[in-house]
C-alpha atoms as a PDB file:
ATOM      1  CA  UNK A   1      16.007  39.460 -31.913  1.00  0.00           C
ATOM      2  CA  UNK A   2      12.430  38.584 -33.482  1.00  0.00           C
ATOM      3  CA  UNK A   3      12.733  35.254 -32.002  1.00  0.00           C
ATOM      4  CA  UNK A   4      13.518  36.720 -28.566  1.00  0.00           C
ATOM      5  CA  UNK A   5      10.492  38.949 -28.801  1.00  0.00           C
ATOM      6  CA  UNK A   6       8.133  36.293 -29.654  1.00  0.00           C
ATOM      7  CA  UNK A   7       9.383  34.030 -26.928  1.00  0.00           C
ATOM      8  CA  UNK A   8       8.909  36.853 -24.239  1.00  0.00           C
ATOM      9  CA  UNK A   9       5.476  37.550 -25.527  1.00  0.00           C
ATOM     10  CA  UNK A  10       4.577  33.854 -25.467  1.00  0.00           C
ATOM     11  CA  UNK A  11       5.841  33.736 -21.624  1.00  0.00           C
ATOM     12  CA  UNK A  12       3.899  36.998 -20.779  1.00  0.00           C
ATOM     13  CA  UNK A  13       0.587  35.855 -22.409  1.00  0.00           C
ATOM     14  CA  UNK A  14       0.832  32.270 -20.674  1.00  0.00           C
ATOM     15  CA  UNK A  15       1.400  30.215 -23.876  1.00  0.00           C
ATOM     16  CA  UNK A  16       4.793  29.188 -23.286  1.00  0.00           C
ATOM     17  CA  UNK A  17       3.716  25.933 -21.654  1.00  0.00           C
ATOM     18  CA  UNK A  18       0.450  24.351 -21.299  1.00  0.00           C
ATOM     19  CA  UNK A  19      -1.568  24.741 -18.140  1.00  0.00           C
ATOM     20  CA  UNK A  20      -1.133  21.692 -15.776  1.00  0.00           C
ATOM     21  CA  UNK A  21      -4.377  19.979 -15.175  1.00  0.00           C
ATOM     22  CA  UNK A  22      -5.619  20.080 -11.543  1.00  0.00           C
ATOM     23  CA  UNK A  23      -6.626  16.836  -9.727  1.00  0.00           C
ATOM     24  CA  UNK A  24     -10.173  15.780  -9.753  1.00  0.00           C
ATOM     25  CA  UNK A  25     -12.241  16.362  -6.744  1.00  0.00           C
ATOM     26  CA  UNK A  26     -15.308  14.770  -5.662  1.00  0.00           C
ATOM     27  CA  UNK A  27     -16.676  16.266  -2.243  1.00  0.00           C
ATOM     28  CA  UNK A  28     -13.481  17.846  -1.896  1.00  0.00           C
ATOM     29  CA  UNK A  29     -11.443  14.611  -1.999  1.00  0.00           C
ATOM     30  CA  UNK A  30      -8.880  13.464  -4.536  1.00  0.00           C
ATOM     31  CA  UNK A  31      -9.557  10.106  -6.619  1.00  0.00           C
ATOM     32  CA  UNK A  32      -6.780   7.585  -6.720  1.00  0.00           C
ATOM     33  CA  UNK A  33      -6.077   4.122  -8.159  1.00  0.00           C
ATOM     34  CA  UNK A  34      -3.374   1.762  -8.015  1.00  0.00           C
ATOM     35  CA  UNK A  35      -0.732   1.654 -11.014  1.00  0.00           C
ATOM     36  CA  UNK A  36       2.324  -0.685 -11.438  1.00  0.00           C
ATOM     37  CA  UNK A  37       5.188   1.419 -12.303  1.00  0.00           C
ATOM     38  CA  UNK A  38       8.840   0.350 -12.840  1.00  0.00           C
ATOM     39  CA  UNK A  39       9.572   1.474  -9.267  1.00  0.00           C
ATOM     40  CA  UNK A  40       6.576  -0.282  -7.855  1.00  0.00           C
ATOM     41  CA  UNK A  41       3.138   0.171  -7.023  1.00  0.00           C
ATOM     42  CA  UNK A  42       1.943   3.920  -6.471  1.00  0.00           C
ATOM     43  CA  UNK A  43      -1.615   5.324  -6.038  1.00  0.00           C
ATOM     44  CA  UNK A  44      -2.241   7.377  -9.116  1.00  0.00           C
ATOM     45  CA  UNK A  45      -4.166  10.522  -9.066  1.00  0.00           C
ATOM     46  CA  UNK A  46      -7.180  11.207 -11.442  1.00  0.00           C
ATOM     47  CA  UNK A  47      -6.938  14.604 -13.165  1.00  0.00           C
ATOM     48  CA  UNK A  48      -9.761  16.892 -14.117  1.00  0.00           C
ATOM     49  CA  UNK A  49      -8.918  15.998 -17.903  1.00  0.00           C
ATOM     50  CA  UNK A  50      -9.641  12.278 -17.323  1.00  0.00           C
ATOM     51  CA  UNK A  51      -5.901  11.539 -17.242  1.00  0.00           C
ATOM     52  CA  UNK A  52      -4.025   9.617 -14.621  1.00  0.00           C
ATOM     53  CA  UNK A  53      -1.175  11.224 -12.878  1.00  0.00           C
ATOM     54  CA  UNK A  54       2.136   9.808 -11.031  1.00  0.00           C
ATOM     55  CA  UNK A  55       1.491  11.081  -7.464  1.00  0.00           C
ATOM     56  CA  UNK A  56       5.224  12.458  -7.139  1.00  0.00           C
ATOM     57  CA  UNK A  57       5.509  14.965  -9.903  1.00  0.00           C
ATOM     58  CA  UNK A  58       1.974  14.813 -11.436  1.00  0.00           C
ATOM     59  CA  UNK A  59       3.452  13.514 -15.094  1.00  0.00           C
ATOM     60  CA  UNK A  60       0.822  11.713 -17.198  1.00  0.00           C
ATOM     61  CA  UNK A  61       0.600   7.859 -17.024  1.00  0.00           C
ATOM     62  CA  UNK A  62      -0.418   5.223 -19.438  1.00  0.00           C
ATOM     63  CA  UNK A  63      -3.778   3.816 -18.445  1.00  0.00           C
ATOM     64  CA  UNK A  64      -2.291   0.444 -19.036  1.00  0.00           C
ATOM     65  CA  UNK A  65      -0.224   0.831 -15.986  1.00  0.00           C
ATOM     66  CA  UNK A  66      -3.561   0.807 -13.771  1.00  0.00           C
ATOM     67  CA  UNK A  67      -4.225  -2.353 -11.737  1.00  0.00           C
ATOM     68  CA  UNK A  68      -7.504  -1.246 -11.025  1.00  0.00           C
ATOM     69  CA  UNK A  69     -10.742  -0.582 -13.312  1.00  0.00           C
ATOM     70  CA  UNK A  70     -11.209   3.204 -13.593  1.00  0.00           C
ATOM     71  CA  UNK A  71     -14.725   2.855 -14.650  1.00  0.00           C
ATOM     72  CA  UNK A  72     -15.429   0.986 -11.450  1.00  0.00           C
ATOM     73  CA  UNK A  73     -17.029   3.274  -8.664  1.00  0.00           C
ATOM     74  CA  UNK A  74     -14.168   4.206  -6.146  1.00  0.00           C
ATOM     75  CA  UNK A  75     -14.415   3.468  -2.332  1.00  0.00           C
ATOM     76  CA  UNK A  76     -14.976   6.631  -0.452  1.00  0.00           C
ATOM     77  CA  UNK A  77     -12.557   7.233   2.416  1.00  0.00           C
ATOM     78  CA  UNK A  78     -12.229   9.875   4.814  1.00  0.00           C
ATOM     79  CA  UNK A  79      -9.299  11.682   2.979  1.00  0.00           C
ATOM     80  CA  UNK A  80      -9.879  10.192  -0.677  1.00  0.00           C
ATOM     81  CA  UNK A  81     -11.644   8.151  -3.051  1.00  0.00           C
ATOM     82  CA  UNK A  82      -9.784   4.828  -4.023  1.00  0.00           C
ATOM     83  CA  UNK A  83     -10.444   2.464  -6.805  1.00  0.00           C
ATOM     84  CA  UNK A  84      -9.969  -1.231  -5.667  1.00  0.00           C
ATOM     85  CA  UNK A  85      -7.519  -3.282  -7.403  1.00  0.00           C
ATOM     86  CA  UNK A  86      -8.900  -5.840 -10.001  1.00  0.00           C
ATOM     87  CA  UNK A  87     -10.408  -8.764  -8.771  1.00  0.00           C
ATOM     88  CA  UNK A  88      -8.011 -11.088 -10.681  1.00  0.00           C
ATOM     89  CA  UNK A  89      -4.989  -9.013  -9.247  1.00  0.00           C
ATOM     90  CA  UNK A  90      -2.449 -10.834  -6.948  1.00  0.00           C
ATOM     91  CA  UNK A  91       0.741  -9.518  -5.960  1.00  0.00           C
ATOM     92  CA  UNK A  92       4.140 -11.280  -6.022  1.00  0.00           C
ATOM     93  CA  UNK A  93       4.784 -10.031  -2.512  1.00  0.00           C
ATOM     94  CA  UNK A  94       3.202 -11.108   0.775  1.00  0.00           C
ATOM     95  CA  UNK A  95       4.521 -13.477   3.619  1.00  0.00           C
ATOM     96  CA  UNK A  96       5.282 -16.908   3.039  1.00  0.00           C
ATOM     97  CA  UNK A  97       2.390 -18.377   0.687  1.00  0.00           C
ATOM     98  CA  UNK A  98      -0.006 -15.520   1.553  1.00  0.00           C
ATOM     99  CA  UNK A  99      -0.107 -12.972  -1.425  1.00  0.00           C
ATOM    100  CA  UNK A 100      -1.463  -9.362  -1.542  1.00  0.00           C
ATOM    101  CA  UNK A 101      -4.902  -9.292  -2.980  1.00  0.00           C
ATOM    102  CA  UNK A 102      -6.013 -12.873  -1.839  1.00  0.00           C
ATOM    103  CA  UNK A 103      -9.437 -13.327  -0.502  1.00  0.00           C
ATOM    104  CA  UNK A 104      -9.833 -14.570   2.890  1.00  0.00           C
ATOM    105  CA  UNK A 105     -10.908 -18.034   1.714  1.00  0.00           C
ATOM    106  CA  UNK A 106      -7.914 -18.206  -0.851  1.00  0.00           C
ATOM    107  CA  UNK A 107      -5.619 -17.120   2.025  1.00  0.00           C
ATOM    108  CA  UNK A 108      -6.860 -19.754   4.429  1.00  0.00           C
ATOM    109  CA  UNK A 109      -6.573 -22.542   1.826  1.00  0.00           C
ATOM    110  CA  UNK A 110      -3.013 -21.220   0.964  1.00  0.00           C
ATOM    111  CA  UNK A 111      -2.009 -21.551   4.772  1.00  0.00           C
ATOM    112  CA  UNK A 112      -1.709 -25.456   4.824  1.00  0.00           C
ATOM    113  CA  UNK A 113      -1.029 -26.666   8.381  1.00  0.00           C
ATOM    114  CA  UNK A 114      -1.045 -23.829  10.450  1.00  0.00           C
ATOM    115  CA  UNK A 115      -2.672 -23.173  13.911  1.00  0.00           C
ATOM    116  CA  UNK A 116      -5.580 -20.717  13.846  1.00  0.00           C
ATOM    117  CA  UNK A 117      -6.116 -18.461  16.572  1.00  0.00           C
ATOM    118  CA  UNK A 118      -8.986 -16.206  17.705  1.00  0.00           C
ATOM    119  CA  UNK A 119      -8.975 -12.957  15.850  1.00  0.00           C
ATOM    120  CA  UNK A 120     -10.290  -9.500  16.729  1.00  0.00           C
ATOM    121  CA  UNK A 121     -12.596  -7.015  14.693  1.00  0.00           C
ATOM    122  CA  UNK A 122      -9.626  -5.374  13.298  1.00  0.00           C
ATOM    123  CA  UNK A 123      -7.964  -8.820  12.204  1.00  0.00           C
ATOM    124  CA  UNK A 124     -10.109 -11.072  10.302  1.00  0.00           C
ATOM    125  CA  UNK A 125      -7.389 -13.943  10.064  1.00  0.00           C
ATOM    126  CA  UNK A 126      -4.949 -14.914  12.816  1.00  0.00           C
ATOM    127  CA  UNK A 127      -2.531 -18.063  12.810  1.00  0.00           C
ATOM    128  CA  UNK A 128       0.648 -19.458  14.200  1.00  0.00           C
ATOM    129  CA  UNK A 129       3.174 -21.190  12.167  1.00  0.00           C
ATOM    130  CA  UNK A 130       6.864 -21.599  11.871  1.00  0.00           C
ATOM    131  CA  UNK A 131       9.118 -19.153   9.688  1.00  0.00           C
ATOM    132  CA  UNK A 132      12.695 -20.200   9.021  1.00  0.00           C
ATOM    133  CA  UNK A 133      12.451 -22.570  12.055  1.00  0.00           C
ATOM    134  CA  UNK A 134      11.176 -19.931  14.494  1.00  0.00           C
ATOM    135  CA  UNK A 135       7.545 -19.469  15.898  1.00  0.00           C
ATOM    136  CA  UNK A 136       5.532 -16.700  14.580  1.00  0.00           C
ATOM    137  CA  UNK A 137       1.955 -15.212  15.203  1.00  0.00           C
ATOM    138  CA  UNK A 138       0.480 -13.741  11.941  1.00  0.00           C
ATOM    139  CA  UNK A 139      -2.563 -11.432  12.057  1.00  0.00           C
ATOM    140  CA  UNK A 140      -4.182 -10.695   8.625  1.00  0.00           C
ATOM    141  CA  UNK A 141      -6.414  -7.522   7.707  1.00  0.00           C
ATOM    142  CA  UNK A 142      -8.543  -7.719   4.576  1.00  0.00           C
ATOM    143  CA  UNK A 143      -9.830  -4.634   2.561  1.00  0.00           C
ATOM    144  CA  UNK A 144     -13.150  -5.411   0.831  1.00  0.00           C
ATOM    145  CA  UNK A 145     -11.991  -9.213   0.930  1.00  0.00           C
ATOM    146  CA  UNK A 146      -8.515  -8.647  -0.183  1.00  0.00           C
ATOM    147  CA  UNK A 147      -5.412  -9.172   1.811  1.00  0.00           C
ATOM    148  CA  UNK A 148      -4.102  -5.819   2.626  1.00  0.00           C
ATOM    149  CA  UNK A 149      -1.972  -5.665   5.661  1.00  0.00           C
ATOM    150  CA  UNK A 150      -0.323  -8.395   8.129  1.00  0.00           C
ATOM    151  CA  UNK A 151       1.666  -7.992  11.397  1.00  0.00           C
ATOM    152  CA  UNK A 152       3.965 -10.796  12.255  1.00  0.00           C
ATOM    153  CA  UNK A 153       5.055 -11.414  15.614  1.00  0.00           C
ATOM    154  CA  UNK A 154       8.470 -12.384  15.888  1.00  0.00           C
ATOM    155  CA  UNK A 155       8.376 -14.466  19.457  1.00  0.00           C
ATOM    156  CA  UNK A 156      11.620 -16.055  19.305  1.00  0.00           C
ATOM    157  CA  UNK A 157      14.136 -13.132  18.083  1.00  0.00           C
ATOM    158  CA  UNK A 158      15.247  -9.683  19.346  1.00  0.00           C
ATOM    159  CA  UNK A 159      14.784  -6.533  17.914  1.00  0.00           C
ATOM    160  CA  UNK A 160      18.413  -6.249  16.885  1.00  0.00           C
ATOM    161  CA  UNK A 161      18.550  -9.657  15.434  1.00  0.00           C
ATOM    162  CA  UNK A 162      15.273  -9.130  13.582  1.00  0.00           C
ATOM    163  CA  UNK A 163      17.167  -6.013  12.291  1.00  0.00           C
ATOM    164  CA  UNK A 164      20.237  -7.478  11.017  1.00  0.00           C
ATOM    165  CA  UNK A 165      18.126 -10.472   9.422  1.00  0.00           C
ATOM    166  CA  UNK A 166      16.244  -7.749   7.112  1.00  0.00           C
ATOM    167  CA  UNK A 167      19.067  -5.674   6.759  1.00  0.00           C
ATOM    168  CA  UNK A 168      20.741  -8.611   4.908  1.00  0.00           C
ATOM    169  CA  UNK A 169      17.380  -9.178   2.829  1.00  0.00           C
ATOM    170  CA  UNK A 170      16.561  -5.741   1.873  1.00  0.00           C
ATOM    171  CA  UNK A 171      19.349  -3.624   2.288  1.00  0.00           C
ATOM    172  CA  UNK A 172      19.663  -0.367   4.520  1.00  0.00           C
ATOM    173  CA  UNK A 173      16.253   0.775   5.707  1.00  0.00           C
ATOM    174  CA  UNK A 174      14.379   3.657   3.811  1.00  0.00           C
ATOM    175  CA  UNK A 175      14.369   5.342   7.565  1.00  0.00           C
ATOM    176  CA  UNK A 176      14.990   4.102  11.037  1.00  0.00           C
ATOM    177  CA  UNK A 177      14.996   5.136  14.751  1.00  0.00           C
ATOM    178  CA  UNK A 178      16.024   3.392  17.941  1.00  0.00           C
ATOM    179  CA  UNK A 179      12.785   1.318  17.917  1.00  0.00           C
ATOM    180  CA  UNK A 180      11.690   1.342  14.274  1.00  0.00           C
ATOM    181  CA  UNK A 181      12.912   0.250  10.743  1.00  0.00           C
ATOM    182  CA  UNK A 182      11.348   1.050   7.576  1.00  0.00           C
ATOM    183  CA  UNK A 183      11.995  -0.759   4.206  1.00  0.00           C
ATOM    184  CA  UNK A 184      10.018  -0.016   1.130  1.00  0.00           C
ATOM    185  CA  UNK A 185       9.856  -2.798  -1.682  1.00  0.00           C
ATOM    186  CA  UNK A 186       8.091  -3.237  -5.005  1.00  0.00           C
ATOM    187  CA  UNK A 187       4.628  -3.782  -3.508  1.00  0.00           C
ATOM    188  CA  UNK A 188       5.053  -3.511   0.098  1.00  0.00           C
ATOM    189  CA  UNK A 189       5.867  -1.135   3.165  1.00  0.00           C
ATOM    190  CA  UNK A 190       7.534  -3.422   5.728  1.00  0.00           C
ATOM    191  CA  UNK A 191       7.963  -1.728   9.483  1.00  0.00           C
ATOM    192  CA  UNK A 192      10.025  -3.494  12.143  1.00  0.00           C
ATOM    193  CA  UNK A 193       8.843  -2.355  15.714  1.00  0.00           C
ATOM    194  CA  UNK A 194      10.149  -2.837  19.051  1.00  0.00           C
ATOM    195  CA  UNK A 195       7.515  -1.406  21.048  1.00  0.00           C
ATOM    196  CA  UNK A 196       6.225  -4.760  22.520  1.00  0.00           C
ATOM    197  CA  UNK A 197       7.499  -7.568  24.480  1.00  0.00           C
ATOM    198  CA  UNK A 198       8.990  -8.818  21.361  1.00  0.00           C
ATOM    199  CA  UNK A 199       9.609  -7.426  17.825  1.00  0.00           C
ATOM    200  CA  UNK A 200       7.110  -7.334  15.334  1.00  0.00           C
ATOM    201  CA  UNK A 201       6.761  -6.748  11.380  1.00  0.00           C
ATOM    202  CA  UNK A 202       3.980  -4.843   9.950  1.00  0.00           C
ATOM    203  CA  UNK A 203       3.353  -5.496   6.263  1.00  0.00           C
ATOM    204  CA  UNK A 204       1.393  -3.230   4.118  1.00  0.00           C
ATOM    205  CA  UNK A 205       0.162  -3.572   0.771  1.00  0.00           C
ATOM    206  CA  UNK A 206       0.787  -0.443  -1.583  1.00  0.00           C
ATOM    207  CA  UNK A 207      -2.302  -1.276  -3.295  1.00  0.00           C
ATOM    208  CA  UNK A 208      -4.766  -2.016  -0.318  1.00  0.00           C
ATOM    209  CA  UNK A 209      -3.658  -0.756   2.878  1.00  0.00           C
ATOM    210  CA  UNK A 210      -5.280   2.646   2.717  1.00  0.00           C
ATOM    211  CA  UNK A 211      -8.732   1.157   2.421  1.00  0.00           C
ATOM    212  CA  UNK A 212      -7.772  -1.436   5.129  1.00  0.00           C
ATOM    213  CA  UNK A 213      -6.783   1.254   7.457  1.00  0.00           C
ATOM    214  CA  UNK A 214      -9.587   3.491   7.076  1.00  0.00           C
ATOM    215  CA  UNK A 215     -11.986   0.263   7.324  1.00  0.00           C
ATOM    216  CA  UNK A 216     -10.251  -0.552  10.480  1.00  0.00           C
ATOM    217  CA  UNK A 217     -10.798   2.685  11.922  1.00  0.00           C
ATOM    218  CA  UNK A 218     -14.334   2.685  11.247  1.00  0.00           C
ATOM    219  CA  UNK A 219     -14.717  -0.719  13.029  1.00  0.00           C
ATOM    220  CA  UNK A 220     -12.818   0.806  15.889  1.00  0.00           C
ATOM    221  CA  UNK A 221     -15.134   3.667  16.451  1.00  0.00           C
ATOM    222  CA  UNK A 222     -18.177   1.220  15.804  1.00  0.00           C
ATOM    223  CA  UNK A 223     -16.646  -0.666  18.793  1.00  0.00           C
ATOM    224  CA  UNK A 224     -16.567   2.208  21.337  1.00  0.00           C
END
């Protein structure tokens, strides 16, 4: 009886559980940094108490999981602040010889014998090559000179054939519609689209894509 009374008193007075820290806001925007967890790369959230938190359940993360230097100045985006991944970070995923986090110079050297094609303000590197015996055109976007996004135009495949190929490689999609498939891997969001004259893949680095998308939007507004 005495123990039950103590528990009820603790719950009533707010001492049953410690208060959950709130996200740190700068100018009303959350601060995030890429972290490498067992399930893959996530954008951890900085809390007011200085800890870094899992974006799914807000549990505290070990600082060693971060692949960014938290003392560096974060990049201000429209909806958030994000720390850029360390200069030494290079992903294990990408496309062919390209890996997430490469600089444009590194990516250009890694390509080898390809045919470079004109770029746009949104895509800083573009080329034609063969992948598994098929011709593809690849366009690359860099976030602060780090490889962040790629579009791969599958010019010699139908959408159904491409869908079957990636189902074999990656399993069932995370989500799908009649014209779109989404897969999630350790480091990458992979979107297969059938919204053009041929299917194309959009590959997005979980560590860099938000910065790249924001910078692309800024370039697009300046162009208009």
